[in-house]
Amino acid sequence: MNIVLATTDSAAGRYVAGALHAVGAVDRVLIETRAAPLRFYTSKLRRVGPANFAFQALYGRWFRRETAAHLPDVPLPPHERIVDLNTHTFGDDELPIGFGTSYIRQATLVRAPHGFLNLHTGSLPRYRGVKSEFWALYHGDVDDLGWTLHFMTPELDGGDIVLRGGVPWNGENPAALRAKLLRDAVPAIATLLRRVGQEGVAALSRTPQGPGRYFTTPTLADWRHQRQSLGAARGVVRSG
């Protein structure tokens, strides 16, 4: 079984790709270069309004920069650049795993004969969607800060769970927490993927998810609330 990692050329994607490749856990790396179309941004502007549109752009930029600051700076391993994963076909001997890619459509999942794994930096099924670290801290849920490796389905972040892990919270902001989750997840996933490479998909356990909740990009009001929750939680950590 050949393991194919699909990710993006970001600090987080480079770390995951470089770390997994360095220990022989992946056989091939695909870098998706597709950018969101203009209609995505115009639709978002209409939906959230100018103030939140500007805030989300700035917050996303800060989030990427802050995550990078807490990860080792590693180069991409040998890789192939493709525009869109949804135009790619996987071989009969390949198991793809995605991290940070665009939404994978049902037609693409059908073309992956052994399924399509996804690394999600949130505890499923409780925190589906985007910026899971943010929403866990927003709710003061510092005892459920986790990552999840799961199979993809047409329902976003709704597929069977394969592997999961968690980290303690020591006052990190959401972006630093993402880096911490990735540093915890990669060694465990590497061990599992090496087994899959030798034994095939039979090495993967599958646990169906229960009901969950989907979270989207936070607004300015959400960020303000989360800052208050973060401050209160940090006070508890210091006093404890």
Protein backbone atom coordinates (compact mmCIF):
# COMPACT_ATOMS: atom_id res chain seq x y z
CA MET A 1 0.00 0.00 0.00
CA ASN A 2 1.37 3.41 -1.02
CA ILE A 3 0.46 6.41 1.15
CA VAL A 4 -0.15 9.69 -0.65
CA LEU A 5 -0.20 12.92 1.36
CA ALA A 6 -2.15 15.82 -0.13
CA THR A 7 -1.61 19.24 1.43
CA THR A 8 -0.71 22.85 0.62
CA ASP A 9 2.49 24.89 0.52
CA SER A 10 1.97 26.50 3.93
CA ALA A 11 4.10 26.32 7.06
CA ALA A 12 1.74 23.74 8.55
CA GLY A 13 1.55 21.75 5.31
CA ARG A 14 5.33 21.78 4.92
CA TYR A 15 5.78 20.58 8.49
CA VAL A 16 3.34 17.69 8.11
CA ALA A 17 4.75 16.68 4.72
CA GLY A 18 8.38 17.01 5.75
CA ALA A 19 7.97 15.19 9.06
CA LEU A 20 5.99 12.28 7.59
CA HIS A 21 8.29 11.93 4.60
CA ALA A 22 11.43 12.03 6.76
CA VAL A 23 10.39 8.87 8.62
CA GLY A 24 9.14 7.00 5.56
CA ALA A 25 5.45 7.30 6.44
CA VAL A 26 4.37 8.63 3.03
CA ASP A 27 5.39 7.53 -0.45
CA ARG A 28 4.21 10.54 -2.43
CA VAL A 29 3.35 14.16 -1.68
CA LEU A 30 0.84 16.22 -3.65
CA ILE A 31 0.72 20.00 -3.19
CA GLU A 32 -2.61 21.53 -4.13
CA THR A 33 -2.23 25.02 -5.61
CA ARG A 34 -5.88 25.86 -6.25
CA ALA A 35 -6.99 29.25 -4.92
CA ALA A 36 -10.56 30.07 -3.98
CA PRO A 37 -12.46 31.59 -6.92
CA LEU A 38 -13.53 35.23 -6.89
CA ARG A 39 -17.17 34.27 -6.39
CA PHE A 40 -16.21 32.72 -3.04
CA TYR A 41 -15.00 36.08 -1.77
CA THR A 42 -17.89 38.09 -3.21
CA SER A 43 -20.37 35.67 -1.66
CA LYS A 44 -18.55 35.88 1.67
CA LEU A 45 -18.56 39.68 1.56
CA ARG A 46 -22.32 39.72 1.07
CA ARG A 47 -22.84 37.14 3.81
CA VAL A 48 -20.69 38.58 6.62
CA GLY A 49 -20.49 42.29 5.68
CA PRO A 50 -17.46 44.53 5.09
CA ALA A 51 -16.27 44.72 8.72
CA ASN A 52 -16.23 40.97 9.29
CA PHE A 53 -14.84 40.37 5.81
CA ALA A 54 -11.83 42.56 6.62
CA PHE A 55 -11.48 41.06 10.10
CA GLN A 56 -11.51 37.48 8.82
CA ALA A 57 -8.85 38.27 6.23
CA LEU A 58 -6.59 39.83 8.86
CA TYR A 59 -7.27 37.08 11.38
CA GLY A 60 -6.49 34.39 8.83
CA ARG A 61 -3.20 36.06 7.98
CA TRP A 62 -2.29 36.36 11.67
CA PHE A 63 -3.31 32.75 12.30
CA ARG A 64 -1.04 31.41 9.56
CA ARG A 65 1.91 33.55 10.68
CA GLU A 66 1.48 32.64 14.35
CA THR A 67 1.14 28.93 13.59
CA ALA A 68 4.34 29.08 11.53
CA ALA A 69 6.17 30.74 14.41
CA HIS A 70 5.52 27.66 16.57
CA LEU A 71 6.51 25.02 14.04
CA PRO A 72 9.94 23.93 12.80
CA ASP A 73 10.74 25.61 9.49
CA VAL A 74 11.16 22.63 7.17
CA PRO A 75 11.33 22.53 3.35
CA LEU A 76 8.88 20.54 1.30
CA PRO A 77 10.05 17.03 0.48
CA PRO A 78 9.99 15.87 -3.16
CA HIS A 79 6.47 16.53 -4.38
CA GLU A 80 4.12 17.03 -7.30
CA ARG A 81 2.10 20.22 -7.65
CA ILE A 82 -1.49 19.85 -8.82
CA VAL A 83 -4.11 22.54 -9.21
CA ASP A 84 -7.12 20.74 -7.77
CA LEU A 85 -7.35 17.43 -5.92
CA ASN A 86 -10.85 17.00 -7.30
CA THR A 87 -9.39 16.39 -10.76
CA HIS A 88 -6.92 13.76 -9.51
CA THR A 89 -7.36 10.00 -9.67
CA PHE A 90 -5.68 7.71 -7.15
CA GLY A 91 -4.28 4.29 -7.98
CA ASP A 92 -5.61 0.96 -6.78
CA ASP A 93 -2.58 0.64 -4.49
CA GLU A 94 -2.83 4.15 -3.00
CA LEU A 95 -4.37 5.50 0.20
CA PRO A 96 -4.57 9.32 0.25
CA ILE A 97 -4.47 11.43 3.39
CA GLY A 98 -5.31 15.12 3.24
CA PHE A 99 -4.41 18.05 5.43
CA GLY A 100 -5.58 21.61 4.78
CA THR A 101 -6.84 20.93 1.26
CA SER A 102 -9.96 22.20 -0.45
CA TYR A 103 -13.26 20.38 0.07
CA ILE A 104 -13.08 16.91 -1.48
CA ARG A 105 -16.18 16.13 -3.51
CA GLN A 106 -18.07 12.85 -3.57
CA ALA A 107 -16.90 12.05 -7.12
CA THR A 108 -13.28 12.28 -5.93
CA LEU A 109 -13.93 10.09 -2.90
CA VAL A 110 -15.38 7.44 -5.20
CA ARG A 111 -12.13 7.48 -7.20
CA ALA A 112 -10.12 6.66 -4.03
CA PRO A 113 -10.75 2.91 -3.79
CA HIS A 114 -9.42 2.55 -0.23
CA GLY A 115 -10.99 5.74 1.13
CA PHE A 116 -9.53 9.17 1.79
CA LEU A 117 -8.17 10.11 5.23
CA ASN A 118 -8.10 13.61 6.67
CA LEU A 119 -6.14 15.16 9.54
CA HIS A 120 -8.36 17.55 11.47
CA THR A 121 -6.92 19.72 14.25
CA GLY A 122 -10.03 19.50 16.35
CA SER A 123 -11.78 16.97 18.52
CA LEU A 124 -14.48 15.23 16.49
CA PRO A 125 -17.40 15.14 16.46
CA ARG A 126 -17.61 18.04 18.88
CA TYR A 127 -15.69 20.55 16.75
CA ARG A 128 -16.27 20.09 13.04
CA GLY A 129 -15.46 22.74 10.45
CA VAL A 130 -12.80 25.44 10.55
CA LYS A 131 -10.66 26.98 13.32
CA SER A 132 -11.57 24.21 15.74
CA GLU A 133 -8.90 25.38 18.19
CA PHE A 134 -10.53 28.82 18.30
CA TRP A 135 -13.97 27.41 19.02
CA ALA A 136 -12.76 25.06 21.73
CA LEU A 137 -11.20 28.03 23.54
CA TYR A 138 -14.28 30.14 22.77
CA HIS A 139 -16.36 27.66 24.74
CA GLY A 140 -13.74 27.34 27.47
CA ASP A 141 -13.43 23.67 26.55
CA VAL A 142 -9.78 23.32 27.51
CA ASP A 143 -10.17 19.67 28.49
CA ASP A 144 -11.13 18.67 24.92
CA LEU A 145 -8.26 20.03 22.80
CA GLY A 146 -7.56 17.29 20.31
CA TRP A 147 -6.75 16.21 16.79
CA THR A 148 -8.54 13.56 14.77
CA LEU A 149 -7.57 11.36 11.82
CA HIS A 150 -10.75 10.29 10.08
CA PHE A 151 -12.13 9.05 6.79
CA MET A 152 -13.67 11.69 4.57
CA THR A 153 -17.31 11.54 3.54
CA PRO A 154 -19.52 14.06 1.70
CA GLU A 155 -20.46 15.34 5.17
CA LEU A 156 -17.63 17.64 6.20
CA ASP A 157 -15.59 16.12 9.06
CA GLY A 158 -18.25 13.46 9.54
CA GLY A 159 -16.47 10.24 8.57
CA ASP A 160 -15.35 7.33 10.74
CA ILE A 161 -12.59 8.11 13.23
CA VAL A 162 -9.31 6.22 12.77
CA LEU A 163 -7.01 7.80 15.34
CA ARG A 164 -7.19 10.67 17.80
CA GLY A 165 -5.09 12.43 20.38
CA GLY A 166 -5.14 15.40 22.69
CA VAL A 167 -2.85 17.94 24.29
CA PRO A 168 -2.94 19.88 27.57
CA TRP A 169 -3.58 23.61 27.39
CA ASN A 170 -0.91 25.86 28.86
CA GLY A 171 -2.34 29.21 27.87
CA GLU A 172 -1.61 29.03 24.13
CA ASN A 173 -3.59 31.14 21.68
CA PRO A 174 -5.54 29.23 18.99
CA ALA A 175 -2.79 29.40 16.36
CA ALA A 176 -0.04 28.26 18.73
CA LEU A 177 -2.41 25.52 19.84
CA ARG A 178 -2.74 24.31 16.23
CA ALA A 179 1.04 24.01 16.01
CA LYS A 180 1.07 22.08 19.29
CA LEU A 181 -1.62 19.72 18.03
CA LEU A 182 0.29 19.06 14.82
CA ARG A 183 3.50 18.33 16.69
CA ASP A 184 1.57 15.80 18.77
CA ALA A 185 -0.33 14.27 15.86
CA VAL A 186 2.43 13.69 13.32
CA PRO A 187 4.49 11.05 15.22
CA ALA A 188 1.39 9.01 16.06
CA ILE A 189 0.08 9.22 12.51
CA ALA A 190 3.50 8.30 11.11
CA THR A 191 3.53 5.10 13.16
CA LEU A 192 0.07 4.17 11.92
CA LEU A 193 0.82 4.98 8.27
CA ARG A 194 3.95 2.81 8.29
CA ARG A 195 1.78 -0.08 9.47
CA VAL A 196 -0.75 0.64 6.73
CA GLY A 197 2.05 0.65 4.18
CA GLN A 198 2.98 -2.88 5.25
CA GLU A 199 -0.41 -4.38 6.12
CA GLY A 200 -2.88 -2.37 4.01
CA VAL A 201 -6.09 -0.70 5.16
CA ALA A 202 -6.81 -3.67 7.45
CA ALA A 203 -4.46 -1.90 9.89
CA LEU A 204 -6.99 0.91 10.26
CA SER A 205 -9.73 0.79 12.87
CA ARG A 206 -12.95 2.68 12.16
CA THR A 207 -15.22 4.20 14.80
CA PRO A 208 -18.41 5.91 13.59
CA GLN A 209 -19.00 9.42 14.86
CA GLY A 210 -21.99 10.51 16.84
CA PRO A 211 -23.85 13.80 16.34
CA GLY A 212 -21.62 16.85 16.07
CA ARG A 213 -21.65 20.55 15.43
CA TYR A 214 -20.13 22.48 12.53
CA PHE A 215 -18.30 25.75 13.15
CA THR A 216 -17.38 28.34 10.54
CA THR A 217 -14.92 31.24 10.39
CA PRO A 218 -15.23 33.42 13.52
CA THR A 219 -16.52 36.97 13.29
CA LEU A 220 -15.17 40.00 15.10
CA ALA A 221 -17.79 39.56 17.82
CA ASP A 222 -16.78 35.90 18.20
CA TRP A 223 -13.14 36.92 18.52
CA ARG A 224 -13.95 39.44 21.26
CA HIS A 225 -15.92 36.82 23.17
CA GLN A 226 -13.13 34.29 22.74
CA ARG A 227 -10.56 36.77 24.07
CA GLN A 228 -12.64 37.17 27.23
CA SER A 229 -13.00 33.39 27.60
CA LEU A 230 -9.28 32.94 27.01
CA GLY A 231 -8.40 35.48 29.68
CA ALA A 232 -10.68 33.83 32.21
CA ALA A 233 -9.31 30.37 31.40
CA ARG A 234 -5.72 31.59 31.71
CA GLY A 235 -6.56 32.94 35.13
CA VAL A 236 -7.82 29.52 36.18
CA VAL A 237 -4.65 27.87 34.86
CA ARG A 238 -2.39 30.32 36.73
CA SER A 239 -4.32 29.98 39.99
CA GLY A 240 -4.31 26.19 39.66
